[in-house]
């Protein structure tokens, strides 16, 4: 691209060269060379990067499988993506899958979190305002979640159970305070 621009300008100048003195041509060429030097350097860097195998690229990362049925009726599984699963970036702390279920019939709010690989003694639950903070750590398994509570709950009624990697936290829902009306007599 840089060279094609230079060739275009030079072809225009050559066309009108008989009108210019050769010293003017040399001055223009020197000026043009100085102006184009950073672009040439960038072009060299780009070409070096294209030829190098040491270039580090960053996300997005994706990986998956596509399954098709071949002509013989057998499934064909093909991998695709720009990274293998073993090379995917991993965080030290995982966020567990969480469901928040409000049961108006039983007046209960259930928070269910999947945290396999930890013991019930490893789990710390803290209720702060309208947020539940879940933390658990056992060996290399670390979980953290910050779960907002939109319903009004009784913080003192909280109970938690943990079995087979599933944590269930239950709150009693508070009755919504209905505004008390005031009778107004007409005079």
C-alpha atoms as a PDB file:
ATOM      1  CA  UNK A   1       0.000   0.000   0.000  1.00  0.00           C
ATOM      2  CA  UNK A   2       2.795   2.430   0.920  1.00  0.00           C
ATOM      3  CA  UNK A   3       4.758   1.596  -2.184  1.00  0.00           C
ATOM      4  CA  UNK A   4       1.726   1.865  -4.459  1.00  0.00           C
ATOM      5  CA  UNK A   5       1.072   5.385  -3.142  1.00  0.00           C
ATOM      6  CA  UNK A   6       4.683   6.339  -3.821  1.00  0.00           C
ATOM      7  CA  UNK A   7       4.543   4.843  -7.314  1.00  0.00           C
ATOM      8  CA  UNK A   8       1.330   6.741  -8.034  1.00  0.00           C
ATOM      9  CA  UNK A   9       2.843  10.054  -6.956  1.00  0.00           C
ATOM     10  CA  UNK A  10       6.072   9.325  -8.840  1.00  0.00           C
ATOM     11  CA  UNK A  11       4.166   8.477 -12.013  1.00  0.00           C
ATOM     12  CA  UNK A  12       2.358  11.806 -11.828  1.00  0.00           C
ATOM     13  CA  UNK A  13       5.645  13.624 -11.257  1.00  0.00           C
ATOM     14  CA  UNK A  14       7.392  11.760 -14.093  1.00  0.00           C
ATOM     15  CA  UNK A  15       4.599  12.801 -16.379  1.00  0.00           C
ATOM     16  CA  UNK A  16       5.307  16.453 -15.614  1.00  0.00           C
ATOM     17  CA  UNK A  17       9.063  16.000 -15.059  1.00  0.00           C
ATOM     18  CA  UNK A  18      10.129  17.958 -18.081  1.00  0.00           C
ATOM     19  CA  UNK A  19       8.742  21.072 -16.399  1.00  0.00           C
ATOM     20  CA  UNK A  20      10.824  20.551 -13.231  1.00  0.00           C
ATOM     21  CA  UNK A  21      14.475  20.928 -12.540  1.00  0.00           C
ATOM     22  CA  UNK A  22      16.247  17.732 -11.357  1.00  0.00           C
ATOM     23  CA  UNK A  23      17.259  19.442  -8.081  1.00  0.00           C
ATOM     24  CA  UNK A  24      13.567  19.934  -7.265  1.00  0.00           C
ATOM     25  CA  UNK A  25      13.015  16.212  -7.940  1.00  0.00           C
ATOM     26  CA  UNK A  26      15.803  15.242  -5.502  1.00  0.00           C
ATOM     27  CA  UNK A  27      14.370  17.544  -2.825  1.00  0.00           C
ATOM     28  CA  UNK A  28      10.931  16.040  -3.240  1.00  0.00           C
ATOM     29  CA  UNK A  29      12.295  12.498  -3.160  1.00  0.00           C
ATOM     30  CA  UNK A  30      14.252  13.214   0.044  1.00  0.00           C
ATOM     31  CA  UNK A  31      11.206  14.798   1.677  1.00  0.00           C
ATOM     32  CA  UNK A  32       9.015  11.921   0.560  1.00  0.00           C
ATOM     33  CA  UNK A  33      11.510   9.354   1.904  1.00  0.00           C
ATOM     34  CA  UNK A  34      11.545  11.077   5.320  1.00  0.00           C
ATOM     35  CA  UNK A  35       7.738  11.203   5.428  1.00  0.00           C
ATOM     36  CA  UNK A  36       7.397   7.544   4.458  1.00  0.00           C
ATOM     37  CA  UNK A  37      10.046   6.172   6.866  1.00  0.00           C
ATOM     38  CA  UNK A  38       7.619   5.495   9.807  1.00  0.00           C
ATOM     39  CA  UNK A  39       5.181   3.763   7.448  1.00  0.00           C
ATOM     40  CA  UNK A  40       7.926   1.590   6.009  1.00  0.00           C
ATOM     41  CA  UNK A  41       8.989   0.620   9.520  1.00  0.00           C
ATOM     42  CA  UNK A  42       5.416  -0.316  10.394  1.00  0.00           C
ATOM     43  CA  UNK A  43       5.189  -2.313   7.195  1.00  0.00           C
ATOM     44  CA  UNK A  44       8.395  -4.165   8.136  1.00  0.00           C
ATOM     45  CA  UNK A  45       7.060  -4.879  11.647  1.00  0.00           C
ATOM     46  CA  UNK A  46       3.782  -6.168  10.195  1.00  0.00           C
ATOM     47  CA  UNK A  47       5.565  -8.465   7.734  1.00  0.00           C
ATOM     48  CA  UNK A  48       7.812  -9.758  10.522  1.00  0.00           C
ATOM     49  CA  UNK A  49       4.768 -10.482  12.715  1.00  0.00           C
ATOM     50  CA  UNK A  50       2.994 -12.344   9.898  1.00  0.00           C
ATOM     51  CA  UNK A  51       6.014 -14.593   9.398  1.00  0.00           C
ATOM     52  CA  UNK A  52       6.638 -15.204  13.104  1.00  0.00           C
ATOM     53  CA  UNK A  53       5.165 -18.046  15.148  1.00  0.00           C
ATOM     54  CA  UNK A  54       5.874 -16.275  18.461  1.00  0.00           C
ATOM     55  CA  UNK A  55       3.041 -13.773  18.162  1.00  0.00           C
ATOM     56  CA  UNK A  56       0.724 -13.927  21.161  1.00  0.00           C
ATOM     57  CA  UNK A  57      -2.947 -13.273  20.487  1.00  0.00           C
ATOM     58  CA  UNK A  58      -5.762 -12.754  22.955  1.00  0.00           C
ATOM     59  CA  UNK A  59      -9.431 -13.886  22.996  1.00  0.00           C
ATOM     60  CA  UNK A  60     -12.114 -14.355  22.265  1.00  0.00           C
ATOM     61  CA  UNK A  61     -11.581 -18.002  23.016  1.00  0.00           C
ATOM     62  CA  UNK A  62     -13.974 -20.578  21.653  1.00  0.00           C
ATOM     63  CA  UNK A  63     -13.949 -24.314  21.327  1.00  0.00           C
ATOM     64  CA  UNK A  64     -16.578 -26.872  20.467  1.00  0.00           C
ATOM     65  CA  UNK A  65     -17.688 -29.886  18.526  1.00  0.00           C
ATOM     66  CA  UNK A  66     -19.938 -30.286  15.530  1.00  0.00           C
ATOM     67  CA  UNK A  67     -21.715 -33.572  14.994  1.00  0.00           C
ATOM     68  CA  UNK A  68     -22.957 -34.578  11.540  1.00  0.00           C
ATOM     69  CA  UNK A  69     -24.235 -37.807  10.097  1.00  0.00           C
ATOM     70  CA  UNK A  70     -22.051 -39.148   7.309  1.00  0.00           C
ATOM     71  CA  UNK A  71     -23.180 -40.843   4.114  1.00  0.00           C
ATOM     72  CA  UNK A  72     -22.719 -44.207   5.804  1.00  0.00           C
ATOM     73  CA  UNK A  73     -25.169 -43.181   8.556  1.00  0.00           C
ATOM     74  CA  UNK A  74     -22.487 -42.938  11.242  1.00  0.00           C
ATOM     75  CA  UNK A  75     -22.003 -39.736  13.240  1.00  0.00           C
ATOM     76  CA  UNK A  76     -18.893 -37.709  12.491  1.00  0.00           C
ATOM     77  CA  UNK A  77     -17.569 -35.531  15.304  1.00  0.00           C
ATOM     78  CA  UNK A  78     -15.296 -32.612  14.405  1.00  0.00           C
ATOM     79  CA  UNK A  79     -13.571 -30.214  16.773  1.00  0.00           C
ATOM     80  CA  UNK A  80     -13.492 -26.506  16.031  1.00  0.00           C
ATOM     81  CA  UNK A  81     -12.230 -23.382  17.711  1.00  0.00           C
ATOM     82  CA  UNK A  82      -9.058 -21.452  18.282  1.00  0.00           C
ATOM     83  CA  UNK A  83      -7.984 -23.122  21.534  1.00  0.00           C
ATOM     84  CA  UNK A  84      -7.997 -26.582  23.050  1.00  0.00           C
ATOM     85  CA  UNK A  85      -9.832 -27.112  26.373  1.00  0.00           C
ATOM     86  CA  UNK A  86      -6.589 -27.729  28.277  1.00  0.00           C
ATOM     87  CA  UNK A  87      -5.348 -24.287  27.200  1.00  0.00           C
ATOM     88  CA  UNK A  88      -8.460 -22.310  28.160  1.00  0.00           C
ATOM     89  CA  UNK A  89      -7.835 -19.565  30.690  1.00  0.00           C
ATOM     90  CA  UNK A  90      -9.121 -20.549  34.104  1.00  0.00           C
ATOM     91  CA  UNK A  91      -9.951 -18.471  37.127  1.00  0.00           C
ATOM     92  CA  UNK A  92      -8.980 -19.584  40.577  1.00  0.00           C
ATOM     93  CA  UNK A  93     -12.458 -18.881  41.916  1.00  0.00           C
ATOM     94  CA  UNK A  94     -15.580 -20.212  40.225  1.00  0.00           C
ATOM     95  CA  UNK A  95     -19.060 -18.773  40.374  1.00  0.00           C
ATOM     96  CA  UNK A  96     -21.555 -21.530  41.169  1.00  0.00           C
ATOM     97  CA  UNK A  97     -24.796 -21.982  39.248  1.00  0.00           C
ATOM     98  CA  UNK A  98     -27.483 -20.328  41.353  1.00  0.00           C
ATOM     99  CA  UNK A  99     -31.293 -20.352  41.210  1.00  0.00           C
ATOM    100  CA  UNK A 100     -33.441 -18.034  43.291  1.00  0.00           C
ATOM    101  CA  UNK A 101     -36.990 -19.365  43.724  1.00  0.00           C
ATOM    102  CA  UNK A 102     -39.739 -17.407  45.481  1.00  0.00           C
ATOM    103  CA  UNK A 103     -42.653 -19.587  46.584  1.00  0.00           C
ATOM    104  CA  UNK A 104     -45.503 -17.210  47.472  1.00  0.00           C
ATOM    105  CA  UNK A 105     -47.759 -20.108  48.390  1.00  0.00           C
ATOM    106  CA  UNK A 106     -45.433 -21.394  51.139  1.00  0.00           C
ATOM    107  CA  UNK A 107     -44.035 -17.894  51.839  1.00  0.00           C
ATOM    108  CA  UNK A 108     -40.471 -19.144  51.304  1.00  0.00           C
ATOM    109  CA  UNK A 109     -37.514 -17.880  49.289  1.00  0.00           C
ATOM    110  CA  UNK A 110     -35.097 -20.640  48.220  1.00  0.00           C
ATOM    111  CA  UNK A 111     -31.589 -20.021  46.943  1.00  0.00           C
ATOM    112  CA  UNK A 112     -30.114 -23.154  45.347  1.00  0.00           C
ATOM    113  CA  UNK A 113     -26.403 -23.221  44.442  1.00  0.00           C
ATOM    114  CA  UNK A 114     -24.409 -26.021  42.804  1.00  0.00           C
ATOM    115  CA  UNK A 115     -21.032 -26.334  44.532  1.00  0.00           C
ATOM    116  CA  UNK A 116     -19.630 -29.837  44.003  1.00  0.00           C
ATOM    117  CA  UNK A 117     -16.374 -30.926  45.555  1.00  0.00           C
ATOM    118  CA  UNK A 118     -16.630 -29.095  48.875  1.00  0.00           C
ATOM    119  CA  UNK A 119     -17.747 -30.172  52.348  1.00  0.00           C
ATOM    120  CA  UNK A 120     -20.474 -28.426  54.304  1.00  0.00           C
ATOM    121  CA  UNK A 121     -17.823 -27.235  56.784  1.00  0.00           C
ATOM    122  CA  UNK A 122     -16.050 -25.407  53.926  1.00  0.00           C
ATOM    123  CA  UNK A 123     -19.084 -23.235  53.114  1.00  0.00           C
ATOM    124  CA  UNK A 124     -19.470 -19.722  54.501  1.00  0.00           C
ATOM    125  CA  UNK A 125     -22.792 -17.915  54.068  1.00  0.00           C
ATOM    126  CA  UNK A 126     -23.287 -14.291  55.016  1.00  0.00           C
ATOM    127  CA  UNK A 127     -26.421 -12.182  54.600  1.00  0.00           C
ATOM    128  CA  UNK A 128     -25.641  -8.490  54.238  1.00  0.00           C
ATOM    129  CA  UNK A 129     -28.634  -6.262  53.611  1.00  0.00           C
ATOM    130  CA  UNK A 130     -30.329  -7.537  50.445  1.00  0.00           C
ATOM    131  CA  UNK A 131     -27.355  -9.684  49.381  1.00  0.00           C
ATOM    132  CA  UNK A 132     -26.186 -13.223  50.144  1.00  0.00           C
ATOM    133  CA  UNK A 133     -22.436 -13.807  50.017  1.00  0.00           C
ATOM    134  CA  UNK A 134     -21.447 -17.437  49.368  1.00  0.00           C
ATOM    135  CA  UNK A 135     -17.866 -18.621  49.733  1.00  0.00           C
ATOM    136  CA  UNK A 136     -16.485 -22.148  49.765  1.00  0.00           C
ATOM    137  CA  UNK A 137     -12.991 -23.571  49.457  1.00  0.00           C
ATOM    138  CA  UNK A 138     -11.768 -27.149  49.539  1.00  0.00           C
ATOM    139  CA  UNK A 139      -8.375 -27.923  48.019  1.00  0.00           C
ATOM    140  CA  UNK A 140      -8.321 -26.474  44.516  1.00  0.00           C
ATOM    141  CA  UNK A 141     -12.105 -25.950  44.445  1.00  0.00           C
ATOM    142  CA  UNK A 142     -13.001 -22.344  45.269  1.00  0.00           C
ATOM    143  CA  UNK A 143     -16.452 -20.814  44.878  1.00  0.00           C
ATOM    144  CA  UNK A 144     -17.703 -17.269  45.345  1.00  0.00           C
ATOM    145  CA  UNK A 145     -21.092 -15.751  44.598  1.00  0.00           C
ATOM    146  CA  UNK A 146     -22.825 -12.505  45.424  1.00  0.00           C
ATOM    147  CA  UNK A 147     -26.578 -13.072  45.131  1.00  0.00           C
ATOM    148  CA  UNK A 148     -29.005 -10.139  45.290  1.00  0.00           C
ATOM    149  CA  UNK A 149     -32.330 -10.703  47.068  1.00  0.00           C
ATOM    150  CA  UNK A 150     -35.199  -8.720  45.569  1.00  0.00           C
ATOM    151  CA  UNK A 151     -37.883  -9.936  47.975  1.00  0.00           C
ATOM    152  CA  UNK A 152     -38.319  -8.863  51.581  1.00  0.00           C
ATOM    153  CA  UNK A 153     -37.149 -11.735  53.789  1.00  0.00           C
ATOM    154  CA  UNK A 154     -36.800 -12.412  57.487  1.00  0.00           C
ATOM    155  CA  UNK A 155     -33.026 -12.637  57.990  1.00  0.00           C
ATOM    156  CA  UNK A 156     -33.473 -14.434  61.305  1.00  0.00           C
ATOM    157  CA  UNK A 157     -35.367 -17.305  59.653  1.00  0.00           C
ATOM    158  CA  UNK A 158     -32.500 -18.360  57.376  1.00  0.00           C
ATOM    159  CA  UNK A 159     -31.648 -22.084  57.245  1.00  0.00           C
ATOM    160  CA  UNK A 160     -29.135 -23.846  55.002  1.00  0.00           C
ATOM    161  CA  UNK A 161     -28.648 -27.463  53.977  1.00  0.00           C
ATOM    162  CA  UNK A 162     -25.944 -29.036  51.840  1.00  0.00           C
ATOM    163  CA  UNK A 163     -26.062 -32.484  50.246  1.00  0.00           C
ATOM    164  CA  UNK A 164     -24.506 -34.006  47.108  1.00  0.00           C
ATOM    165  CA  UNK A 165     -22.945 -30.734  45.960  1.00  0.00           C
ATOM    166  CA  UNK A 166     -26.211 -28.762  46.238  1.00  0.00           C
ATOM    167  CA  UNK A 167     -26.548 -25.921  48.742  1.00  0.00           C
ATOM    168  CA  UNK A 168     -30.067 -24.789  49.608  1.00  0.00           C
ATOM    169  CA  UNK A 169     -30.630 -21.609  51.613  1.00  0.00           C
ATOM    170  CA  UNK A 170     -34.207 -20.882  52.764  1.00  0.00           C
ATOM    171  CA  UNK A 171     -35.722 -17.664  54.050  1.00  0.00           C
ATOM    172  CA  UNK A 172     -39.241 -16.933  55.240  1.00  0.00           C
ATOM    173  CA  UNK A 173     -40.769 -14.179  53.143  1.00  0.00           C
ATOM    174  CA  UNK A 174     -41.958 -11.138  55.061  1.00  0.00           C
ATOM    175  CA  UNK A 175     -45.533 -10.075  54.641  1.00  0.00           C
ATOM    176  CA  UNK A 176     -45.709  -6.920  52.632  1.00  0.00           C
ATOM    177  CA  UNK A 177     -46.863  -4.127  54.805  1.00  0.00           C
ATOM    178  CA  UNK A 178     -49.988  -2.722  53.338  1.00  0.00           C
ATOM    179  CA  UNK A 179     -50.563   0.919  54.056  1.00  0.00           C
ATOM    180  CA  UNK A 180     -53.209   1.412  56.652  1.00  0.00           C
ATOM    181  CA  UNK A 181     -55.988   3.558  55.371  1.00  0.00           C
ATOM    182  CA  UNK A 182     -57.574   6.402  57.252  1.00  0.00           C
ATOM    183  CA  UNK A 183     -61.239   7.061  57.140  1.00  0.00           C
ATOM    184  CA  UNK A 184     -62.153  10.570  56.275  1.00  0.00           C
ATOM    185  CA  UNK A 185     -65.517  11.878  57.269  1.00  0.00           C
ATOM    186  CA  UNK A 186     -67.287  14.233  54.971  1.00  0.00           C
ATOM    187  CA  UNK A 187     -68.514  17.399  56.675  1.00  0.00           C
END
